[in-house]
Amino acid sequence: MILVTGGAGFIGANFVLDWLAVTNEPVLNVDKLTYAGNLQSLASLHGDARHIFVQADIADGKTMAQLLAQHQPRAIINFAAESHVDRSIHGPEDFIQTNVVGTFRLLEAARAYWSDLEGAAKSSFRFLHVSTDEVFGTLAPHDPAFTETHSYAPNSPYSASKAASDHLVRAWHHTYGLPVLTTNCSNNYGPLHFPEKLIPLMIVNALAGKPLPIYGDGMQVRDWLYVRDHCSAIRHVLDAGKLGETYNVGGWNEKTNLDIVTAVCALLDELRPRAYRKSYAEQMTFVTDRPGHDRRYAMDARKLERELGWKPAETFETGIRKTVQWYLDNPQWVASVQSGSYRDWVQKHYSLEGSA
């Protein structure tokens, strides 16, 4: 069994679904169920004995220790995090509590659990921490992409809290010997993405006839990674990563935000044309840039390819088409995360203290 934290969020839910599609190894899925945690993303697993869900906070060290003792996982994959930059600017305390304090408490629970293991169970145990490219700060237009040895220079409360969590994971390895692995990924996109982030927000707003807000001049550059590719990279690192090492995970797809919105509008024009064939691009509007907005991120993922044989399977063109089509095919999921019906669904289908 593996333990996945944050497994009802965007990347975590995709990972759980992907994991159980390619292996029969059970998953203990722990999520606090904040606004971005959505059990309807895992509805296809309802009644599946391989999936055990427990609503809990990783900052609750006692509960995490109890779950580890009860379920005896061979690995922890830590996705649990507050992750939206805008929210971190307006309310940074939640980010410190989850990303810093929560990671510390989870590390301590894992260290105590691992210390009591013996033989092969102890030597094979892994703690895989999932982080972000934003810890490295920003790049100038012609700077080389971030490598694993790039200095940390976070510029938002979110990225600072994730940088702190990365440092804690490293310290618990070097001080206590905890067998850790860290991945730093670029911007993920794909199904099940909460519609506050760029791509799902553009899709949802476009279909609703609302403005498509673009920060500043829209020329901020990000490296876009299809979420299922990210899931496969994590499996590679968990299986064969070198203890104490970090691995960059990128899609080799540098695009400006304006490029992204334009591509989404073009696909919607094709797949769900508006009346009178007017383009969704007419809804684009430029708004005041957010404070401290990093200009460019880019990930050099050659280490992961060279050492573990991973590279993304999707191009941006194939991945964005799958993403837009998924949102067109799943309006009920979007509606569920935007209304009070979600909590009612959870209460009906799950005991929040723990259920398969």
Protein backbone atom coordinates (compact mmCIF):
# COMPACT_ATOMS: atom_id res chain seq x y z
CA MET A 1 0.00 0.00 0.00
CA ILE A 2 1.02 3.61 -0.61
CA LEU A 3 -0.19 6.68 1.24
CA VAL A 4 -1.10 9.70 -0.91
CA THR A 5 -1.72 13.05 0.77
CA GLY A 6 -3.79 15.64 -1.05
CA GLY A 7 -5.28 12.88 -3.16
CA ALA A 8 -8.57 14.68 -3.78
CA GLY A 9 -6.87 17.71 -5.32
CA PHE A 10 -6.05 18.23 -8.98
CA ILE A 11 -2.70 16.45 -9.33
CA GLY A 12 -3.30 14.07 -6.42
CA ALA A 13 -6.63 12.81 -7.78
CA ASN A 14 -5.14 12.29 -11.22
CA PHE A 15 -2.28 10.38 -9.63
CA VAL A 16 -4.61 8.11 -7.62
CA LEU A 17 -6.73 7.37 -10.70
CA ASP A 18 -3.63 6.76 -12.80
CA TRP A 19 -2.01 4.58 -10.13
CA LEU A 20 -5.03 2.31 -9.78
CA ALA A 21 -5.35 2.08 -13.56
CA VAL A 22 -1.84 0.63 -13.92
CA THR A 23 -1.43 -1.31 -10.65
CA ASN A 24 -3.54 -3.15 -8.11
CA GLU A 25 -1.54 -1.81 -5.16
CA PRO A 26 -3.99 -0.13 -2.74
CA VAL A 27 -3.95 3.58 -1.97
CA LEU A 28 -4.65 5.22 1.38
CA ASN A 29 -5.82 8.67 0.29
CA VAL A 30 -5.66 11.43 2.90
CA ASP A 31 -7.08 14.86 2.11
CA LYS A 32 -8.25 17.76 4.25
CA LEU A 33 -10.99 18.56 1.70
CA THR A 34 -10.46 22.27 1.44
CA TYR A 35 -12.24 24.12 -1.37
CA ALA A 36 -9.92 22.54 -3.98
CA GLY A 37 -10.32 18.96 -2.75
CA ASN A 38 -13.12 17.27 -4.65
CA LEU A 39 -14.12 13.67 -3.99
CA GLN A 40 -16.28 13.71 -7.10
CA SER A 41 -13.00 13.60 -9.00
CA LEU A 42 -12.65 10.10 -7.53
CA ALA A 43 -16.26 9.01 -8.02
CA SER A 44 -15.22 6.17 -10.32
CA LEU A 45 -13.42 4.58 -7.35
CA HIS A 46 -16.46 4.52 -5.07
CA GLY A 47 -16.76 0.98 -3.72
CA ASP A 48 -13.29 0.03 -4.96
CA ALA A 49 -11.57 -1.76 -2.06
CA ARG A 50 -8.17 -0.64 -3.36
CA HIS A 51 -8.99 2.99 -2.50
CA ILE A 52 -9.34 4.01 1.15
CA PHE A 53 -10.19 7.65 1.75
CA VAL A 54 -9.68 9.47 5.05
CA GLN A 55 -10.45 13.12 5.62
CA ALA A 56 -7.52 14.44 7.68
CA ASP A 57 -5.05 17.30 7.86
CA ILE A 58 -1.34 16.50 7.42
CA ALA A 59 -0.70 19.06 10.17
CA ASP A 60 -2.50 16.72 12.58
CA GLY A 61 0.56 14.70 13.54
CA LYS A 62 -1.31 12.37 15.87
CA THR A 63 -3.79 11.31 13.21
CA MET A 64 -1.06 10.85 10.61
CA ALA A 65 0.92 8.67 13.02
CA GLN A 66 -2.17 6.57 13.71
CA LEU A 67 -2.86 6.10 9.99
CA LEU A 68 0.71 5.05 9.33
CA ALA A 69 0.64 2.54 12.16
CA GLN A 70 -2.71 1.13 11.06
CA HIS A 71 -2.12 0.83 7.32
CA GLN A 72 1.68 0.28 7.14
CA PRO A 73 2.31 1.94 3.74
CA ARG A 74 5.56 1.30 1.90
CA ALA A 75 5.70 4.90 0.66
CA ILE A 76 4.24 8.35 1.20
CA ILE A 77 3.63 10.65 -1.78
CA ASN A 78 2.98 14.15 -0.50
CA PHE A 79 0.82 16.28 -2.78
CA ALA A 80 -0.97 18.09 0.05
CA ALA A 81 -0.49 21.84 -0.37
CA GLU A 82 -2.17 25.18 -0.71
CA SER A 83 -1.16 26.12 -4.23
CA HIS A 84 -2.82 29.23 -5.68
CA VAL A 85 -0.53 32.27 -5.84
CA ASP A 86 -3.38 34.81 -5.79
CA ARG A 87 -4.85 33.24 -2.65
CA SER A 88 -1.41 33.25 -1.00
CA ILE A 89 -1.09 36.97 -1.63
CA HIS A 90 -4.42 37.73 0.03
CA GLY A 91 -4.19 35.10 2.80
CA PRO A 92 -0.68 33.75 3.34
CA GLU A 93 -1.27 32.14 6.75
CA ASP A 94 -3.06 29.09 5.34
CA PHE A 95 -0.06 28.48 3.10
CA ILE A 96 2.37 28.58 6.01
CA GLN A 97 0.16 26.28 8.04
CA THR A 98 -0.31 23.59 5.37
CA ASN A 99 2.88 23.82 3.33
CA VAL A 100 5.35 24.42 6.15
CA VAL A 101 3.80 23.22 9.41
CA GLY A 102 1.92 20.43 7.66
CA THR A 103 5.03 19.14 5.91
CA PHE A 104 6.97 19.28 9.18
CA ARG A 105 4.31 17.26 11.04
CA LEU A 106 4.07 14.73 8.21
CA LEU A 107 7.85 14.33 8.16
CA GLU A 108 7.91 13.74 11.89
CA ALA A 109 5.15 11.14 11.68
CA ALA A 110 6.97 9.46 8.79
CA ARG A 111 10.30 9.52 10.64
CA ALA A 112 8.84 7.85 13.72
CA TYR A 113 7.07 5.23 11.59
CA TRP A 114 10.17 4.53 9.45
CA SER A 115 12.43 4.29 12.52
CA ASP A 116 10.33 1.41 13.85
CA LEU A 117 10.41 -0.54 10.60
CA GLU A 118 12.84 -3.41 10.19
CA GLY A 119 14.65 -5.21 7.39
CA ALA A 120 13.33 -4.90 3.85
CA ALA A 121 10.34 -2.80 4.94
CA LYS A 122 12.70 -0.16 6.32
CA SER A 123 15.18 -0.19 3.45
CA SER A 124 12.48 0.07 0.79
CA PHE A 125 10.39 2.82 2.42
CA ARG A 126 10.20 6.14 0.53
CA PHE A 127 8.89 9.65 1.26
CA LEU A 128 8.29 11.45 -2.05
CA HIS A 129 7.64 15.18 -1.79
CA VAL A 130 5.94 16.90 -4.74
CA SER A 131 6.98 20.52 -5.23
CA THR A 132 6.99 23.26 -7.86
CA ASP A 133 9.21 25.22 -10.23
CA GLU A 134 8.11 28.43 -8.51
CA VAL A 135 10.64 27.90 -5.71
CA PHE A 136 13.37 28.95 -8.17
CA GLY A 137 11.92 32.40 -8.78
CA THR A 138 11.83 33.96 -12.22
CA LEU A 139 13.91 33.77 -15.40
CA ALA A 140 14.83 36.43 -17.92
CA PRO A 141 13.71 35.73 -21.52
CA HIS A 142 16.99 34.17 -22.64
CA ASP A 143 18.13 32.55 -19.39
CA PRO A 144 18.68 28.79 -19.45
CA ALA A 145 15.93 26.70 -17.88
CA PHE A 146 15.96 25.80 -14.19
CA THR A 147 18.08 22.78 -13.29
CA GLU A 148 18.02 20.87 -10.02
CA THR A 149 21.03 22.90 -8.80
CA HIS A 150 19.46 26.30 -9.45
CA SER A 151 19.36 28.53 -6.35
CA TYR A 152 16.02 29.01 -4.64
CA ALA A 153 14.57 32.52 -4.97
CA PRO A 154 10.81 32.38 -4.25
CA ASN A 155 8.83 35.56 -4.91
CA SER A 156 5.33 34.87 -3.53
CA PRO A 157 4.01 33.60 -0.20
CA TYR A 158 3.03 30.39 -1.99
CA SER A 159 6.44 29.73 -3.51
CA ALA A 160 8.20 30.72 -0.27
CA SER A 161 6.10 28.20 1.67
CA LYS A 162 6.88 25.46 -0.85
CA ALA A 163 10.59 26.34 -0.76
CA ALA A 164 10.48 25.99 3.02
CA SER A 165 8.85 22.57 2.71
CA ASP A 166 11.53 21.45 0.24
CA HIS A 167 14.24 22.51 2.68
CA LEU A 168 12.57 20.59 5.50
CA VAL A 169 12.45 17.43 3.39
CA ARG A 170 16.12 17.79 2.52
CA ALA A 171 17.06 18.40 6.16
CA TRP A 172 15.13 15.35 7.39
CA HIS A 173 17.14 13.24 4.96
CA HIS A 174 20.55 14.66 5.84
CA THR A 175 19.92 14.90 9.59
CA TYR A 176 17.84 11.80 10.29
CA GLY A 177 18.44 9.62 7.24
CA LEU A 178 14.78 9.61 6.20
CA PRO A 179 14.70 8.13 2.66
CA VAL A 180 13.28 11.06 0.71
CA LEU A 181 12.81 12.03 -2.92
CA THR A 182 11.68 15.43 -4.23
CA THR A 183 10.16 16.42 -7.55
CA ASN A 184 9.76 19.99 -8.79
CA CYS A 185 7.22 20.26 -11.57
CA SER A 186 6.22 22.94 -14.05
CA ASN A 187 2.66 24.20 -14.60
CA ASN A 188 0.28 21.25 -14.77
CA TYR A 189 -2.91 21.24 -16.82
CA GLY A 190 -5.52 18.63 -17.65
CA PRO A 191 -8.77 17.11 -16.34
CA LEU A 192 -10.05 17.78 -12.81
CA HIS A 193 -8.32 21.16 -12.46
CA PHE A 194 -10.12 23.54 -10.09
CA PRO A 195 -11.42 26.47 -12.18
CA GLU A 196 -9.43 29.21 -10.49
CA LYS A 197 -6.29 28.35 -12.48
CA LEU A 198 -5.66 29.76 -15.95
CA ILE A 199 -6.74 27.02 -18.36
CA PRO A 200 -9.90 25.77 -16.62
CA LEU A 201 -10.89 29.35 -15.75
CA MET A 202 -10.66 30.34 -19.41
CA ILE A 203 -12.74 27.34 -20.49
CA VAL A 204 -15.43 27.87 -17.87
CA ASN A 205 -15.64 31.64 -18.38
CA ALA A 206 -15.68 31.33 -22.15
CA LEU A 207 -18.59 28.90 -22.11
CA ALA A 208 -20.46 31.12 -19.65
CA GLY A 209 -19.98 34.20 -21.82
CA LYS A 210 -17.84 35.89 -19.18
CA PRO A 211 -14.66 37.93 -19.68
CA LEU A 212 -11.39 36.02 -20.06
CA PRO A 213 -9.07 37.98 -17.73
CA ILE A 214 -5.39 38.10 -18.69
CA TYR A 215 -2.88 39.59 -16.26
CA GLY A 216 -0.78 42.50 -17.52
CA ASP A 217 0.35 42.07 -21.12
CA GLY A 218 -0.15 38.29 -21.08
CA MET A 219 3.48 37.65 -21.97
CA GLN A 220 4.36 35.70 -18.81
CA VAL A 221 5.94 32.42 -19.89
CA ARG A 222 5.32 29.04 -18.29
CA ASP A 223 6.39 25.47 -19.12
CA TRP A 224 3.17 23.45 -19.47
CA LEU A 225 3.02 19.80 -18.36
CA TYR A 226 0.05 17.52 -18.97
CA VAL A 227 -0.98 16.14 -15.59
CA ARG A 228 -0.95 12.46 -16.61
CA ASP A 229 2.64 12.89 -17.79
CA HIS A 230 3.45 14.28 -14.35
CA CYS A 231 1.86 11.20 -12.77
CA SER A 232 4.04 8.88 -14.82
CA ALA A 233 7.13 10.88 -13.85
CA ILE A 234 6.32 10.49 -10.17
CA ARG A 235 5.97 6.73 -10.59
CA HIS A 236 9.40 6.65 -12.23
CA VAL A 237 10.97 8.62 -9.37
CA LEU A 238 9.26 6.51 -6.73
CA ASP A 239 10.45 3.30 -8.39
CA ALA A 240 14.04 4.23 -9.20
CA GLY A 241 14.94 7.68 -7.89
CA LYS A 242 18.16 8.08 -5.94
CA LEU A 243 17.59 8.83 -2.26
CA GLY A 244 18.00 12.46 -1.31
CA GLU A 245 17.88 13.61 -4.94
CA THR A 246 15.57 16.13 -6.58
CA TYR A 247 14.17 15.72 -10.09
CA ASN A 248 12.71 18.43 -12.31
CA VAL A 249 9.56 17.44 -14.19
CA GLY A 250 8.72 19.58 -17.21
CA GLY A 251 6.72 19.40 -20.40
CA TRP A 252 9.21 21.17 -22.69
CA ASN A 253 6.34 23.48 -23.65
CA GLU A 254 7.15 27.14 -22.98
CA LYS A 255 4.09 29.23 -23.80
CA THR A 256 2.97 32.73 -22.87
CA ASN A 257 -0.31 33.12 -21.02
CA LEU A 258 -1.64 34.91 -24.10
CA ASP A 259 -0.65 31.90 -26.23
CA ILE A 260 -2.54 29.63 -23.84
CA VAL A 261 -5.75 31.66 -23.87
CA THR A 262 -5.61 32.00 -27.65
CA ALA A 263 -5.19 28.22 -28.03
CA VAL A 264 -8.11 27.51 -25.69
CA CYS A 265 -10.33 29.95 -27.61
CA ALA A 266 -9.38 28.36 -30.95
CA LEU A 267 -10.26 24.88 -29.70
CA LEU A 268 -13.57 26.08 -28.27
CA ASP A 269 -14.33 27.80 -31.58
CA GLU A 270 -13.83 24.40 -33.23
CA LEU A 271 -15.45 22.11 -30.67
CA ARG A 272 -18.25 24.30 -29.27
CA PRO A 273 -18.76 27.19 -31.73
CA ARG A 274 -20.63 30.28 -30.57
CA ALA A 275 -23.69 31.62 -32.30
CA TYR A 276 -22.95 33.52 -35.51
CA ARG A 277 -19.46 31.96 -35.44
CA LYS A 278 -18.04 34.73 -33.28
CA SER A 279 -14.74 33.74 -31.67
CA TYR A 280 -14.41 33.24 -27.94
CA ALA A 281 -11.28 35.37 -28.28
CA GLU A 282 -13.60 38.39 -28.31
CA GLN A 283 -14.10 37.80 -24.59
CA MET A 284 -10.40 38.30 -23.76
CA THR A 285 -9.68 41.27 -21.53
CA PHE A 286 -6.43 42.51 -20.02
CA VAL A 287 -6.48 43.28 -16.30
CA THR A 288 -4.03 44.78 -13.81
CA ASP A 289 -1.11 42.45 -13.18
CA ARG A 290 -0.84 40.75 -9.80
CA PRO A 291 1.90 41.79 -7.33
CA GLY A 292 5.29 40.11 -7.79
CA HIS A 293 4.18 38.20 -10.88
CA ASP A 294 7.12 36.04 -12.04
CA ARG A 295 7.85 36.64 -15.71
CA ARG A 296 9.10 33.24 -16.83
CA TYR A 297 9.52 29.68 -15.60
CA ALA A 298 11.18 26.90 -17.60
CA MET A 299 12.26 23.46 -16.46
CA ASP A 300 15.25 21.45 -17.63
CA ALA A 301 14.04 17.87 -17.18
CA ARG A 302 17.04 16.17 -18.79
CA LYS A 303 18.19 14.62 -15.50
CA LEU A 304 14.92 12.70 -15.20
CA GLU A 305 15.19 11.50 -18.79
CA ARG A 306 18.89 10.67 -18.54
CA GLU A 307 18.78 8.81 -15.22
CA LEU A 308 15.28 7.31 -15.13
CA GLY A 309 14.24 7.22 -18.77
CA TRP A 310 11.21 9.50 -18.45
CA LYS A 311 9.96 12.05 -20.93
CA PRO A 312 6.46 13.42 -21.54
CA ALA A 313 4.16 11.50 -23.83
CA GLU A 314 1.90 14.44 -24.71
CA THR A 315 2.72 17.46 -26.82
CA PHE A 316 1.01 20.68 -25.82
CA GLU A 317 -1.26 20.36 -28.85
CA THR A 318 -2.47 16.87 -27.90
CA GLY A 319 -2.71 17.64 -24.21
CA ILE A 320 -4.66 20.89 -24.52
CA ARG A 321 -7.15 19.28 -26.91
CA LYS A 322 -7.76 16.46 -24.42
CA THR A 323 -8.16 19.02 -21.65
CA VAL A 324 -10.69 21.23 -23.44
CA GLN A 325 -12.66 18.19 -24.56
CA TRP A 326 -12.76 16.86 -21.00
CA TYR A 327 -14.31 20.09 -19.70
CA LEU A 328 -16.85 20.06 -22.52
CA ASP A 329 -17.75 16.46 -21.68
CA ASN A 330 -17.96 16.99 -17.90
CA PRO A 331 -20.04 20.08 -17.13
CA GLN A 332 -21.48 18.35 -14.07
CA TRP A 333 -18.02 18.21 -12.46
CA VAL A 334 -17.54 21.93 -13.02
CA ALA A 335 -20.97 22.65 -11.60
CA SER A 336 -20.23 20.50 -8.55
CA VAL A 337 -17.15 22.50 -7.55
CA GLN A 338 -18.97 25.78 -8.03
CA SER A 339 -22.02 25.01 -5.91
CA GLY A 340 -23.05 23.79 -2.49
CA SER A 341 -24.12 20.45 -3.94
CA TYR A 342 -20.57 19.15 -3.59
CA ARG A 343 -20.68 18.90 0.21
CA ASP A 344 -24.07 17.20 -0.02
CA TRP A 345 -22.61 14.64 -2.43
CA VAL A 346 -19.70 13.95 -0.09
CA GLN A 347 -21.99 13.38 2.87
CA LYS A 348 -24.12 11.00 0.80
CA HIS A 349 -21.31 8.89 -0.66
CA TYR A 350 -18.54 9.01 1.94
CA SER A 351 -18.08 8.81 5.66
CA LEU A 352 -15.55 11.59 6.12
CA GLU A 353 -13.81 9.72 8.93
CA GLY A 354 -12.70 7.10 6.45
CA SER A 355 -14.26 5.01 3.72
CA ALA A 356 -13.38 2.86 0.77
